[in-house]
Amino acid sequence: MFIATYGTLLLAAAFFAHLLIWRIRLPRNHTQALLLIFLIVPVPILSAVFYANPGVWPASVWPILHLLLFYTAMSLVYVIGYSVIEQDSALLATYAKIESAGAGGMAEEELVPLLEQGTSPMQRLELMAQTGLIERRDDGYALTPKGRRLARLFALAERLFGLPRGG
């Protein structure tokens, strides 16, 4: 019960902090801002709970580690989900159009143009440049140190999961 209660409390607090910050001022780098929010929010909340009622804490360290693992996993799921939704997704637009069509659905001829919309490769490059993963050069683009670290992480994941190189 400890993990479910405090995990939900921490996630709700981080979610409301996210909403509040986005209402005040939209950050330049959404993913980085979300990661910071989900990293910082638990500290004051857990500190306040501990000092207000030390008897709430379990006697063992394992439930606390489980809480942090649960919170971290759910936070990363939220950040990944948010990054998918924030992009101009042809797939999400298609779902919305089909839903708005009602029980009758939509003809295939109406759906094909929807699937051709969405984020263009140039928009993706611009987003990668804004987040510091790539930089514009005279003859194209190159990875930044941050981009190289991420590329190494993807290469490691590909080897670990036995995936073909490049996705």
Foldseek 3Di string as FASTA:
>chain_A
DLLVVVLVVLVVQLVVVLVVVVVVPNDLQSLVVLVVSLVPSVVVVVVCCCVVDVVSDDPDCVVVVVSVVSNVVVSVVVSVVVVVVVFFALVVVLVVVQVVVPPVGDDPVVNVVSNVDTDDPVNVVVSCVSVQQWDADPVGIDGDPVVVVVLVVVVVVCVVVVHDPPD
